[in-house]
């Protein structure tokens, strides 16, 4: 197969949906053809998946890092899952009813579901998880469920939530990682954050945890008692920890790994791998995320506490070049922390900071940081998200960009646990680069970067900058309980105007993740939250399953 140019590859990937739509339009002049029969799923086999980096924990209680959720989505079923349109679909909740005033939601739970240890799943598990995890320690959900005034369980398969004020966003977080349901009988009365089952999880999902060999793999096996008849098809899933990018690319190319999500290889390798007949590149399955790459600027730093310095850094970073050179076009410059994919909330008219080195230099001079004899104004430490080469190269790009305006940057590398501790617990950093998923509503993934209520909690991916603004807090808290969609959108537009003026966090890029998988892996992408959901529908064609 001939090699594709980078531009051709990107066009092919981004145009897939258009081509599919065109192909679906019948030609009235063409002879009728019988529909192709759907292939029959094949049972058995082991699916190898890239897990990079290695997770800190396997249960998304207070840590909702990418690798944790990738594993947990196969172990824990949620109340719902999400289609490509991001509308909730029944899972552990077979149906639900919302009262006209939005203050009561009733869930009817699926019967006959069991935890992996054989105990029955009941409404008591949902009630306990909401009261002890979702509204207390889960970093995305605390504000969403804060106004749940009561949880009633009239029987083992009914859960009634009563709200003191409406909470419109909650239907966007009810999957297995967004609102994880934990087994009450294993957690009640324990130290939740240090419960040993966080690292040997017991869920209700299609795969059962078997082993975590640190530094090598996490092994899951088929749940023989799964509530959905005939699912899953696979016998086991093995998540392989492969820190080296070249080794990951080689494992994918040789067929040793059949599923590799979240940009598993350097962009320069993508077109070569995409040209191989036994591999496919897929960009679906990330719709639920809407990820935004950003810099957190520690506002407690003597230099960064001056808004003019933060604005100067924004002017010094060429985001178009960052998207093009570092992220190979699998991203576009971000205008706001609320990405353009959230069209109902996104404000395109926020304060902007176009690439302008002269403006950056002038702002730094005004802030009282002239260049020294060696041309340096001051030095900052930059800690980048340790999720692969793309983030390291983003750090190198920042170092080069800020050097041009007299700011020296020292790049620090570490593993995930050390990164989380340094940035969110010890606050021993100047600039950190990471990404947050915005999800379908800003209340879920965006505002946790700015709400001062998270300060001091040491919770990962919440207000890393140390930002405090009473008006921003008010807008966030009001939007959380506002029952009118238009009024909520207005709150978020006002929020964006303020935070883009203050710039405690600098939005950089709206990311477009990709997955590489074996061409004969079927059913691996079925919904909009696929990468954080289960592979219960996935199956390997016979030639791939043999010998597994």
Protein backbone atom coordinates (compact mmCIF):
# COMPACT_ATOMS: atom_id res chain seq x y z
CA UNK A 1 0.00 0.00 0.00
CA UNK A 2 1.47 3.42 -0.90
CA UNK A 3 2.44 5.79 1.90
CA UNK A 4 -0.01 8.61 2.68
CA UNK A 5 1.12 12.17 3.15
CA UNK A 6 0.36 13.71 6.52
CA UNK A 7 -2.19 16.01 4.94
CA UNK A 8 -3.86 13.11 3.14
CA UNK A 9 -3.98 11.06 6.31
CA UNK A 10 -5.56 13.86 8.33
CA UNK A 11 -8.06 14.53 5.57
CA UNK A 12 -8.96 10.85 5.43
CA UNK A 13 -9.46 10.60 9.18
CA UNK A 14 -11.40 13.84 9.60
CA UNK A 15 -13.52 13.17 6.52
CA UNK A 16 -14.56 9.67 7.52
CA UNK A 17 -17.96 10.75 8.77
CA UNK A 18 -18.66 12.73 5.59
CA UNK A 19 -17.69 9.83 3.37
CA UNK A 20 -19.86 7.49 5.39
CA UNK A 21 -22.82 9.84 5.02
CA UNK A 22 -22.32 10.14 1.26
CA UNK A 23 -22.01 6.39 0.90
CA UNK A 24 -25.27 5.96 2.74
CA UNK A 25 -27.25 7.98 0.13
CA UNK A 26 -28.76 5.54 -2.40
CA UNK A 27 -28.19 6.07 -6.13
CA UNK A 28 -31.61 5.72 -7.84
CA UNK A 29 -29.92 4.63 -11.09
CA UNK A 30 -27.90 1.85 -9.51
CA UNK A 31 -29.23 -1.73 -9.48
CA UNK A 32 -30.52 -2.95 -6.14
CA UNK A 33 -28.05 -4.97 -4.08
CA UNK A 34 -28.68 -7.28 -1.20
CA UNK A 35 -27.52 -5.88 2.12
CA UNK A 36 -24.24 -7.27 3.39
CA UNK A 37 -24.91 -9.61 6.31
CA UNK A 38 -23.39 -8.48 9.58
CA UNK A 39 -20.44 -10.66 10.56
CA UNK A 40 -21.11 -13.15 13.33
CA UNK A 41 -19.10 -12.37 16.46
CA UNK A 42 -16.51 -14.95 17.43
CA UNK A 43 -16.04 -15.94 21.04
CA UNK A 44 -12.71 -16.24 22.79
CA UNK A 45 -9.28 -14.73 22.58
CA UNK A 46 -7.18 -12.28 24.53
CA UNK A 47 -7.14 -8.61 23.63
CA UNK A 48 -3.90 -6.78 24.42
CA UNK A 49 -4.25 -3.06 25.11
CA UNK A 50 -1.67 -0.32 25.61
CA UNK A 51 -1.91 1.22 29.08
CA UNK A 52 0.34 4.26 29.25
CA UNK A 53 1.28 5.45 31.76
CA UNK A 54 0.70 2.89 34.47
CA UNK A 55 -2.21 3.96 36.70
CA UNK A 56 -1.81 5.00 40.32
CA UNK A 57 -5.05 3.22 41.24
CA UNK A 58 -7.67 1.14 39.41
CA UNK A 59 -10.85 2.64 40.87
CA UNK A 60 -11.96 6.19 39.91
CA UNK A 61 -12.90 7.35 43.39
CA UNK A 62 -10.79 10.49 43.93
CA UNK A 63 -8.31 9.87 41.11
CA UNK A 64 -9.88 10.18 37.67
CA UNK A 65 -6.68 9.97 35.65
CA UNK A 66 -6.87 8.65 32.11
CA UNK A 67 -5.22 5.23 32.71
CA UNK A 68 -7.39 4.54 35.77
CA UNK A 69 -10.58 5.20 33.83
CA UNK A 70 -9.41 3.15 30.84
CA UNK A 71 -9.22 0.04 33.03
CA UNK A 72 -12.16 0.84 35.31
CA UNK A 73 -14.60 1.27 32.43
CA UNK A 74 -14.36 -2.47 31.80
CA UNK A 75 -14.84 -3.43 35.46
CA UNK A 76 -17.61 -1.02 36.50
CA UNK A 77 -20.91 -0.55 34.74
CA UNK A 78 -22.65 2.78 35.29
CA UNK A 79 -26.30 3.67 35.44
CA UNK A 80 -26.05 4.67 31.78
CA UNK A 81 -23.68 4.76 28.83
CA UNK A 82 -23.53 7.39 26.05
CA UNK A 83 -24.17 7.09 22.33
CA UNK A 84 -22.25 9.04 19.72
CA UNK A 85 -24.92 11.75 20.15
CA UNK A 86 -24.00 11.79 23.90
CA UNK A 87 -27.55 10.97 24.90
CA UNK A 88 -27.77 8.56 27.86
CA UNK A 89 -28.59 4.93 27.09
CA UNK A 90 -29.82 2.39 29.66
CA UNK A 91 -27.23 0.25 31.43
CA UNK A 92 -27.68 -0.58 35.13
CA UNK A 93 -30.63 1.80 35.07
CA UNK A 94 -33.23 0.34 32.71
CA UNK A 95 -35.30 3.55 32.79
CA UNK A 96 -35.66 6.86 34.62
CA UNK A 97 -38.18 9.61 35.18
CA UNK A 98 -37.51 13.31 35.83
CA UNK A 99 -40.15 15.37 37.60
CA UNK A 100 -41.35 18.48 35.72
CA UNK A 101 -39.69 20.77 38.28
CA UNK A 102 -36.37 18.91 37.95
CA UNK A 103 -36.22 18.25 41.69
CA UNK A 104 -36.87 14.50 41.61
CA UNK A 105 -35.29 11.78 39.49
CA UNK A 106 -36.36 8.16 39.78
CA UNK A 107 -34.16 5.35 38.46
CA UNK A 108 -35.47 1.83 37.86
CA UNK A 109 -32.53 -0.54 38.22
CA UNK A 110 -31.86 -3.68 36.26
CA UNK A 111 -32.65 -6.86 38.18
CA UNK A 112 -30.46 -9.95 38.38
CA UNK A 113 -27.16 -8.04 38.39
CA UNK A 114 -24.40 -9.32 40.68
CA UNK A 115 -21.11 -7.96 41.87
CA UNK A 116 -18.05 -9.91 40.80
CA UNK A 117 -17.92 -11.54 44.26
CA UNK A 118 -21.44 -12.90 43.78
CA UNK A 119 -23.33 -10.47 46.02
CA UNK A 120 -26.47 -8.90 44.50
CA UNK A 121 -26.32 -5.35 43.17
CA UNK A 122 -29.09 -3.25 44.71
CA UNK A 123 -30.32 0.29 45.15
CA UNK A 124 -28.40 0.43 48.43
CA UNK A 125 -25.12 0.39 46.47
CA UNK A 126 -26.21 3.40 44.40
CA UNK A 127 -27.38 5.30 47.48
CA UNK A 128 -24.14 4.60 49.38
CA UNK A 129 -21.95 5.56 46.39
CA UNK A 130 -23.78 8.84 45.86
CA UNK A 131 -23.66 9.84 49.50
CA UNK A 132 -20.09 8.74 50.21
CA UNK A 133 -18.27 9.20 46.89
CA UNK A 134 -20.09 11.22 44.25
CA UNK A 135 -20.99 14.19 46.43
CA UNK A 136 -17.94 14.14 48.68
CA UNK A 137 -14.61 13.04 47.15
CA UNK A 138 -15.15 12.53 43.41
CA UNK A 139 -13.44 15.53 41.74
CA UNK A 140 -15.99 15.95 38.95
CA UNK A 141 -19.16 15.27 40.88
CA UNK A 142 -18.98 17.09 44.20
CA UNK A 143 -20.71 20.21 42.90
CA UNK A 144 -23.13 18.29 40.66
CA UNK A 145 -24.60 16.23 43.49
CA UNK A 146 -24.20 18.79 46.28
CA UNK A 147 -27.90 19.64 46.15
CA UNK A 148 -29.14 16.08 46.46
CA UNK A 149 -31.14 16.51 49.67
CA UNK A 150 -32.24 12.89 49.99
CA UNK A 151 -31.71 9.49 48.37
CA UNK A 152 -34.63 7.11 48.81
CA UNK A 153 -34.64 3.38 48.07
CA UNK A 154 -38.27 2.23 48.31
CA UNK A 155 -37.17 -1.22 47.11
CA UNK A 156 -34.00 -2.97 46.00
CA UNK A 157 -34.38 -1.83 42.39
CA UNK A 158 -35.57 1.76 42.71
CA UNK A 159 -33.53 4.86 43.56
CA UNK A 160 -35.19 8.24 44.02
CA UNK A 161 -33.01 11.35 44.11
CA UNK A 162 -34.52 14.47 45.64
CA UNK A 163 -32.85 17.81 44.99
CA UNK A 164 -33.08 21.07 46.86
CA UNK A 165 -32.20 22.77 43.57
CA UNK A 166 -32.03 21.41 40.00
CA UNK A 167 -28.80 19.87 38.68
CA UNK A 168 -29.08 19.70 34.90
CA UNK A 169 -25.58 18.33 34.17
CA UNK A 170 -25.85 15.08 36.12
CA UNK A 171 -27.20 13.13 33.14
CA UNK A 172 -23.84 13.72 31.47
CA UNK A 173 -21.81 11.88 34.15
CA UNK A 174 -23.69 8.70 34.98
CA UNK A 175 -21.47 6.13 33.26
CA UNK A 176 -19.16 3.72 35.05
CA UNK A 177 -16.29 6.17 35.53
CA UNK A 178 -18.29 9.39 35.70
CA UNK A 179 -20.34 8.18 38.68
CA UNK A 180 -18.71 4.93 39.79
CA UNK A 181 -20.99 2.63 41.79
CA UNK A 182 -18.98 0.82 44.46
CA UNK A 183 -20.06 -2.29 46.39
CA UNK A 184 -21.40 -1.05 49.71
CA UNK A 185 -20.61 -4.34 51.44
CA UNK A 186 -16.88 -3.89 50.68
CA UNK A 187 -16.58 -0.15 51.38
CA UNK A 188 -19.06 0.81 54.06
CA UNK A 189 -17.28 1.77 57.30
CA UNK A 190 -13.81 1.77 55.72
CA UNK A 191 -11.31 4.46 54.79
CA UNK A 192 -12.56 4.84 51.21
CA UNK A 193 -9.40 6.42 49.80
CA UNK A 194 -7.21 3.66 51.23
CA UNK A 195 -9.56 0.71 50.79
CA UNK A 196 -7.56 -2.20 49.31
CA UNK A 197 -10.33 -2.84 46.77
CA UNK A 198 -9.33 0.36 45.00
CA UNK A 199 -6.43 -1.64 43.54
CA UNK A 200 -8.25 -4.97 43.14
CA UNK A 201 -11.64 -3.62 42.09
CA UNK A 202 -14.94 -5.47 42.35
CA UNK A 203 -17.54 -4.22 39.90
CA UNK A 204 -20.60 -5.38 37.99
CA UNK A 205 -19.07 -4.96 34.53
CA UNK A 206 -18.30 -7.47 31.78
CA UNK A 207 -14.72 -8.11 32.91
CA UNK A 208 -13.42 -9.23 36.31
CA UNK A 209 -10.14 -8.04 37.80
CA UNK A 210 -7.59 -10.86 38.18
CA UNK A 211 -4.11 -9.43 38.59
CA UNK A 212 -2.04 -6.25 38.58
CA UNK A 213 1.66 -6.95 38.11
CA UNK A 214 3.19 -3.55 38.71
CA UNK A 215 5.27 -2.24 35.88
CA UNK A 216 4.01 -4.91 33.47
CA UNK A 217 0.27 -5.47 33.11
CA UNK A 218 -3.27 -5.45 34.47
CA UNK A 219 -5.26 -8.61 33.69
CA UNK A 220 -9.05 -8.81 33.42
CA UNK A 221 -11.07 -11.94 32.60
CA UNK A 222 -14.53 -12.50 31.18
CA UNK A 223 -17.37 -12.21 33.69
CA UNK A 224 -19.25 -15.50 33.21
CA UNK A 225 -22.24 -14.13 35.13
CA UNK A 226 -22.60 -10.83 33.29
CA UNK A 227 -26.19 -9.63 33.13
CA UNK A 228 -26.18 -9.14 29.34
CA UNK A 229 -26.61 -12.56 27.71
CA UNK A 230 -23.68 -13.64 25.56
CA UNK A 231 -21.46 -10.73 26.51
CA UNK A 232 -18.60 -10.15 26.57
CA UNK A 233 -17.13 -12.09 23.64
CA UNK A 234 -13.49 -11.89 24.70
CA UNK A 235 -12.03 -14.31 27.25
CA UNK A 236 -9.66 -11.78 28.73
CA UNK A 237 -8.13 -8.34 28.39
CA UNK A 238 -4.54 -7.61 29.26
CA UNK A 239 -3.51 -3.98 29.66
CA UNK A 240 0.21 -3.79 28.94
CA UNK A 241 2.44 -1.10 30.41
CA UNK A 242 4.98 -0.12 27.73
CA UNK A 243 6.67 3.17 28.68
CA UNK A 244 8.87 3.50 25.58
CA UNK A 245 7.11 5.02 22.56
CA UNK A 246 9.21 3.10 20.02
CA UNK A 247 8.45 -0.16 21.81
CA UNK A 248 4.73 0.65 21.72
CA UNK A 249 4.87 1.30 17.99
CA UNK A 250 6.74 -1.96 17.42
CA UNK A 251 4.25 -3.95 19.53
CA UNK A 252 1.34 -2.50 17.56
CA UNK A 253 3.00 -3.14 14.20
CA UNK A 254 3.87 -6.75 15.09
CA UNK A 255 0.34 -7.48 16.28
CA UNK A 256 1.42 -8.03 19.87
CA UNK A 257 -1.06 -5.30 20.83
CA UNK A 258 -4.45 -5.08 19.14
CA UNK A 259 -5.91 -1.94 20.73
CA UNK A 260 -4.00 1.23 21.56
CA UNK A 261 -5.99 4.36 22.54
CA UNK A 262 -5.05 7.94 23.46
CA UNK A 263 -2.38 8.70 20.85
CA UNK A 264 -0.24 5.67 21.72
CA UNK A 265 2.62 6.44 19.32
CA UNK A 266 4.44 9.58 18.18
CA UNK A 267 2.61 11.38 15.41
CA UNK A 268 5.46 10.74 12.98
CA UNK A 269 4.64 7.02 13.17
CA UNK A 270 0.91 7.35 12.55
CA UNK A 271 0.88 7.56 8.76
CA UNK A 272 3.30 4.64 8.46
CA UNK A 273 1.15 2.45 10.73
CA UNK A 274 -2.10 3.60 9.10
CA UNK A 275 -0.79 2.43 5.73
CA UNK A 276 -0.38 -1.16 6.96
CA UNK A 277 -3.28 -3.42 5.90
CA UNK A 278 -3.60 -5.10 9.31
CA UNK A 279 -4.07 -1.82 11.24
CA UNK A 280 -6.66 0.95 11.42
CA UNK A 281 -6.62 4.49 12.86
CA UNK A 282 -9.83 5.52 14.62
CA UNK A 283 -10.87 8.88 16.06
CA UNK A 284 -14.36 7.93 17.24
CA UNK A 285 -15.09 6.98 20.82
CA UNK A 286 -13.75 10.18 22.39
CA UNK A 287 -16.85 12.33 21.85
CA UNK A 288 -17.75 12.32 25.56
CA UNK A 289 -14.39 13.85 26.47
CA UNK A 290 -13.88 17.11 24.51
CA UNK A 291 -10.28 17.38 25.81
CA UNK A 292 -8.44 20.71 26.19
CA UNK A 293 -4.67 21.00 26.67
CA UNK A 294 -3.68 23.82 29.03
CA UNK A 295 -0.96 25.39 31.18
CA UNK A 296 -1.66 25.94 34.85
CA UNK A 297 0.25 29.03 36.05
CA UNK A 298 0.90 28.94 39.79
CA UNK A 299 -0.47 32.29 40.93
CA UNK A 300 1.45 32.01 44.21
CA UNK A 301 4.76 32.34 42.31
CA UNK A 302 6.25 35.86 42.81
CA UNK A 303 6.32 36.51 39.07
CA UNK A 304 3.20 34.63 37.98
CA UNK A 305 0.98 36.34 40.55
CA UNK A 306 1.13 39.42 38.26
CA UNK A 307 -1.58 39.08 35.60
CA UNK A 308 0.64 40.96 33.13
CA UNK A 309 3.19 38.17 33.32
CA UNK A 310 0.51 35.55 32.71
CA UNK A 311 -0.78 37.54 29.75
CA UNK A 312 2.77 37.90 28.43
CA UNK A 313 3.19 34.12 28.50
CA UNK A 314 -0.06 33.79 26.55
CA UNK A 315 1.23 36.20 23.88
CA UNK A 316 4.57 34.34 23.70
CA UNK A 317 3.06 30.96 22.79
CA UNK A 318 2.25 30.39 19.11
CA UNK A 319 -0.67 27.99 19.47
CA UNK A 320 -1.06 27.53 15.72
CA UNK A 321 2.53 26.31 15.54
CA UNK A 322 2.02 24.14 18.62
CA UNK A 323 -0.97 22.43 16.96
CA UNK A 324 0.84 22.03 13.67
CA UNK A 325 4.38 21.14 14.71
CA UNK A 326 3.99 19.29 18.01
CA UNK A 327 0.50 17.78 17.62
CA UNK A 328 0.69 17.22 13.82
CA UNK A 329 -2.73 18.73 13.22
CA UNK A 330 -4.53 16.42 15.68
CA UNK A 331 -5.55 19.56 17.56
CA UNK A 332 -6.62 23.16 17.00
CA UNK A 333 -5.89 26.33 19.00
CA UNK A 334 -8.20 26.79 21.96
CA UNK A 335 -9.98 30.11 22.40
CA UNK A 336 -11.45 29.42 25.82
CA UNK A 337 -11.39 26.75 28.55
CA UNK A 338 -14.88 25.83 27.31
CA UNK A 339 -14.12 24.17 23.96
CA UNK A 340 -15.97 24.93 20.76
CA UNK A 341 -17.43 21.40 20.79
CA UNK A 342 -19.68 22.58 23.63
CA UNK A 343 -21.45 24.99 21.31
CA UNK A 344 -24.28 25.84 23.71
CA UNK A 345 -21.77 27.18 26.28
CA UNK A 346 -18.69 28.27 24.31
CA UNK A 347 -18.02 32.02 24.06
CA UNK A 348 -15.86 32.84 21.01
CA UNK A 349 -15.57 36.50 22.03
CA UNK A 350 -13.49 36.11 25.19
CA UNK A 351 -10.27 38.15 25.67
CA UNK A 352 -7.67 36.78 23.27
CA UNK A 353 -3.88 36.74 23.28
CA UNK A 354 -2.57 36.43 19.71
CA UNK A 355 1.04 35.41 19.19
CA UNK A 356 2.97 38.66 19.63
CA UNK A 357 6.51 38.62 21.03
CA UNK A 358 6.75 42.41 21.18
CA UNK A 359 3.56 42.62 23.22
CA UNK A 360 4.87 39.89 25.54
CA UNK A 361 8.17 41.78 26.04
CA UNK A 362 6.33 45.02 26.77
CA UNK A 363 4.07 43.39 29.37
CA UNK A 364 7.05 41.81 31.13
CA UNK A 365 8.83 45.18 31.22
CA UNK A 366 5.70 46.85 32.63
CA UNK A 367 5.46 44.16 35.31
CA UNK A 368 8.95 45.06 36.52
CA UNK A 369 10.92 42.12 35.15
CA UNK A 370 13.61 43.58 32.85
CA UNK A 371 16.14 41.39 31.11
CA UNK A 372 19.36 40.82 33.03
CA UNK A 373 22.88 40.98 31.64
CA UNK A 374 22.47 37.47 30.22
CA UNK A 375 19.09 38.34 28.69
CA UNK A 376 17.11 36.40 31.30
CA UNK A 377 14.28 37.97 33.28
CA UNK A 378 13.55 35.05 35.64
CA UNK A 379 13.43 31.25 35.67
CA UNK A 380 10.40 28.95 35.96
CA UNK A 381 10.06 25.20 36.48
CA UNK A 382 7.71 23.37 34.15
CA UNK A 383 6.18 19.98 35.03
CA UNK A 384 4.47 18.26 32.12
CA UNK A 385 1.85 15.51 32.23
CA UNK A 386 3.82 12.22 32.03
CA UNK A 387 1.53 10.62 29.46
CA UNK A 388 3.95 10.36 26.56
CA UNK A 389 6.14 12.18 24.09
CA UNK A 390 3.45 14.62 22.96
CA UNK A 391 3.39 16.23 26.39
CA UNK A 392 7.18 16.23 26.72
CA UNK A 393 7.48 17.93 23.33
CA UNK A 394 4.83 20.45 24.41
CA UNK A 395 7.11 21.27 27.37
CA UNK A 396 10.07 21.70 25.04
CA UNK A 397 8.00 23.97 22.80
CA UNK A 398 7.12 26.13 25.82
CA UNK A 399 10.76 26.32 26.87
CA UNK A 400 11.81 27.60 23.43
CA UNK A 401 8.87 30.02 23.21
CA UNK A 402 9.48 31.68 26.58
CA UNK A 403 13.24 31.88 26.09
CA UNK A 404 12.56 34.30 23.22
CA UNK A 405 11.04 36.77 25.70
CA UNK A 406 13.66 36.29 28.40
CA UNK A 407 12.04 33.62 30.58
CA UNK A 408 14.19 30.58 31.26
CA UNK A 409 12.25 27.32 31.73
CA UNK A 410 13.57 24.19 33.42
CA UNK A 411 11.64 21.10 32.35
CA UNK A 412 11.06 18.44 35.00
CA UNK A 413 10.01 14.87 34.20
CA UNK A 414 8.50 12.39 36.65
CA UNK A 415 6.01 9.54 36.85
CA UNK A 416 2.28 10.08 37.32
CA UNK A 417 2.27 9.69 41.10
CA UNK A 418 5.09 12.20 41.54
CA UNK A 419 3.47 14.65 39.09
CA UNK A 420 0.13 14.55 40.94
CA UNK A 421 1.79 14.98 44.33
CA UNK A 422 4.04 17.84 43.21
CA UNK A 423 1.33 19.85 41.43
CA UNK A 424 -1.84 19.18 43.43
CA UNK A 425 -0.57 18.27 46.92
CA UNK A 426 2.79 19.96 47.48
CA UNK A 427 2.14 22.78 44.98
CA UNK A 428 5.86 22.72 44.22
CA UNK A 429 5.70 23.96 40.64
CA UNK A 430 5.55 27.11 38.54
CA UNK A 431 3.92 25.93 35.32
CA UNK A 432 2.29 22.56 34.72
CA UNK A 433 0.89 21.32 31.44
CA UNK A 434 -1.94 18.82 31.33
CA UNK A 435 -5.31 18.24 29.73
CA UNK A 436 -8.81 18.09 31.14
CA UNK A 437 -11.82 16.54 29.50
CA UNK A 438 -14.56 19.17 29.32
CA UNK A 439 -17.28 16.53 28.89
CA UNK A 440 -20.71 17.55 27.55
CA UNK A 441 -21.23 20.27 30.18
CA UNK A 442 -18.66 22.77 31.58
CA UNK A 443 -19.89 22.07 35.09
CA UNK A 444 -18.31 18.62 34.86
CA UNK A 445 -14.83 19.08 33.47
CA UNK A 446 -14.06 22.79 33.15
CA UNK A 447 -15.00 24.65 36.32
CA UNK A 448 -13.00 22.35 38.61
CA UNK A 449 -9.90 24.10 37.25
CA UNK A 450 -11.14 27.44 38.64
CA UNK A 451 -13.45 26.89 41.64
CA UNK A 452 -11.69 27.90 44.87
CA UNK A 453 -13.60 25.28 46.85
CA UNK A 454 -11.11 22.67 45.68
CA UNK A 455 -8.10 24.48 47.13
CA UNK A 456 -6.44 22.61 49.95
CA UNK A 457 -8.10 19.29 49.12
CA UNK A 458 -5.06 17.96 47.19
CA UNK A 459 -7.45 16.47 44.61
CA UNK A 460 -5.84 15.79 41.22
CA UNK A 461 -6.87 17.96 38.28
CA UNK A 462 -8.67 20.57 40.36
CA UNK A 463 -7.55 24.23 40.50
CA UNK A 464 -3.85 23.59 40.02
CA UNK A 465 -3.19 27.31 39.59
CA UNK A 466 -4.37 28.25 43.10
CA UNK A 467 -6.84 30.76 41.65
CA UNK A 468 -9.40 32.56 43.83
CA UNK A 469 -12.10 34.86 42.47
CA UNK A 470 -15.34 35.41 44.35
CA UNK A 471 -17.35 36.32 41.24
CA UNK A 472 -16.11 33.24 39.39
CA UNK A 473 -17.07 31.09 42.37
CA UNK A 474 -20.51 32.69 42.40
CA UNK A 475 -21.07 32.02 38.69
CA UNK A 476 -19.93 28.41 39.02
CA UNK A 477 -22.14 27.78 42.03
CA UNK A 478 -25.15 29.48 40.44
CA UNK A 479 -24.82 27.53 37.18
CA UNK A 480 -24.70 24.30 39.17
CA UNK A 481 -28.26 24.83 40.44
CA UNK A 482 -29.82 26.93 37.68
CA UNK A 483 -32.72 25.08 36.06
CA UNK A 484 -32.98 27.34 33.01
CA UNK A 485 -30.60 26.26 30.19
CA UNK A 486 -30.34 29.78 28.75
CA UNK A 487 -29.50 31.29 32.14
CA UNK A 488 -26.82 28.63 32.70
CA UNK A 489 -25.29 29.41 29.32
CA UNK A 490 -25.17 33.10 30.28
CA UNK A 491 -23.40 32.21 33.54
CA UNK A 492 -20.76 30.27 31.63
CA UNK A 493 -20.23 33.07 29.13
CA UNK A 494 -19.62 35.50 32.00
CA UNK A 495 -17.31 32.94 33.63
CA UNK A 496 -15.23 32.66 30.46
CA UNK A 497 -14.85 36.41 30.15
CA UNK A 498 -13.39 36.71 33.66
CA UNK A 499 -11.04 33.73 33.63
CA UNK A 500 -9.68 34.64 30.22
CA UNK A 501 -8.92 38.10 31.57
CA UNK A 502 -7.26 36.75 34.72
CA UNK A 503 -5.53 33.80 32.99
CA UNK A 504 -4.65 31.57 35.94
CA UNK A 505 -4.88 28.80 33.38
CA UNK A 506 -3.94 29.21 29.73
CA UNK A 507 -6.04 27.08 27.34
CA UNK A 508 -3.78 25.92 24.51
CA UNK A 509 -5.37 23.35 22.22
CA UNK A 510 -8.56 21.41 21.66
CA UNK A 511 -7.17 17.89 21.23
CA UNK A 512 -8.23 15.19 18.79
CA UNK A 513 -7.20 11.81 20.17
CA UNK A 514 -6.78 8.73 18.00
CA UNK A 515 -6.74 4.97 18.56
CA UNK A 516 -4.80 2.40 16.56
CA UNK A 517 -6.28 -1.08 16.51
CA UNK A 518 -6.02 -4.36 14.62
CA UNK A 519 -8.10 -4.40 11.43
CA UNK A 520 -9.77 -7.64 12.52
CA UNK A 521 -10.81 -6.30 15.90
CA UNK A 522 -14.56 -5.76 15.59
CA UNK A 523 -17.07 -3.96 17.81
CA UNK A 524 -14.43 -1.97 19.67
CA UNK A 525 -16.03 1.43 19.01
CA UNK A 526 -19.73 1.42 19.72
CA UNK A 527 -20.45 4.66 21.61
CA UNK A 528 -19.36 8.19 22.38
CA UNK A 529 -17.75 7.34 25.71
CA UNK A 530 -16.09 4.19 24.34
CA UNK A 531 -12.55 4.76 25.62
CA UNK A 532 -13.88 4.99 29.17
CA UNK A 533 -16.55 2.34 28.69
CA UNK A 534 -16.35 -1.42 28.32
CA UNK A 535 -15.32 -3.64 25.43
CA UNK A 536 -18.22 -6.02 25.96
CA UNK A 537 -19.07 -5.89 22.23
CA UNK A 538 -15.49 -6.34 21.00
CA UNK A 539 -14.39 -9.55 19.30
CA UNK A 540 -11.40 -10.81 17.37
CA UNK A 541 -11.75 -12.39 13.96
CA UNK A 542 -10.70 -16.08 13.87
CA UNK A 543 -7.20 -15.55 12.52
CA UNK A 544 -6.46 -13.08 15.33
CA UNK A 545 -8.09 -15.19 18.03
CA UNK A 546 -6.19 -18.38 17.27
CA UNK A 547 -3.63 -19.22 19.86
CA UNK A 548 -4.79 -16.53 22.27
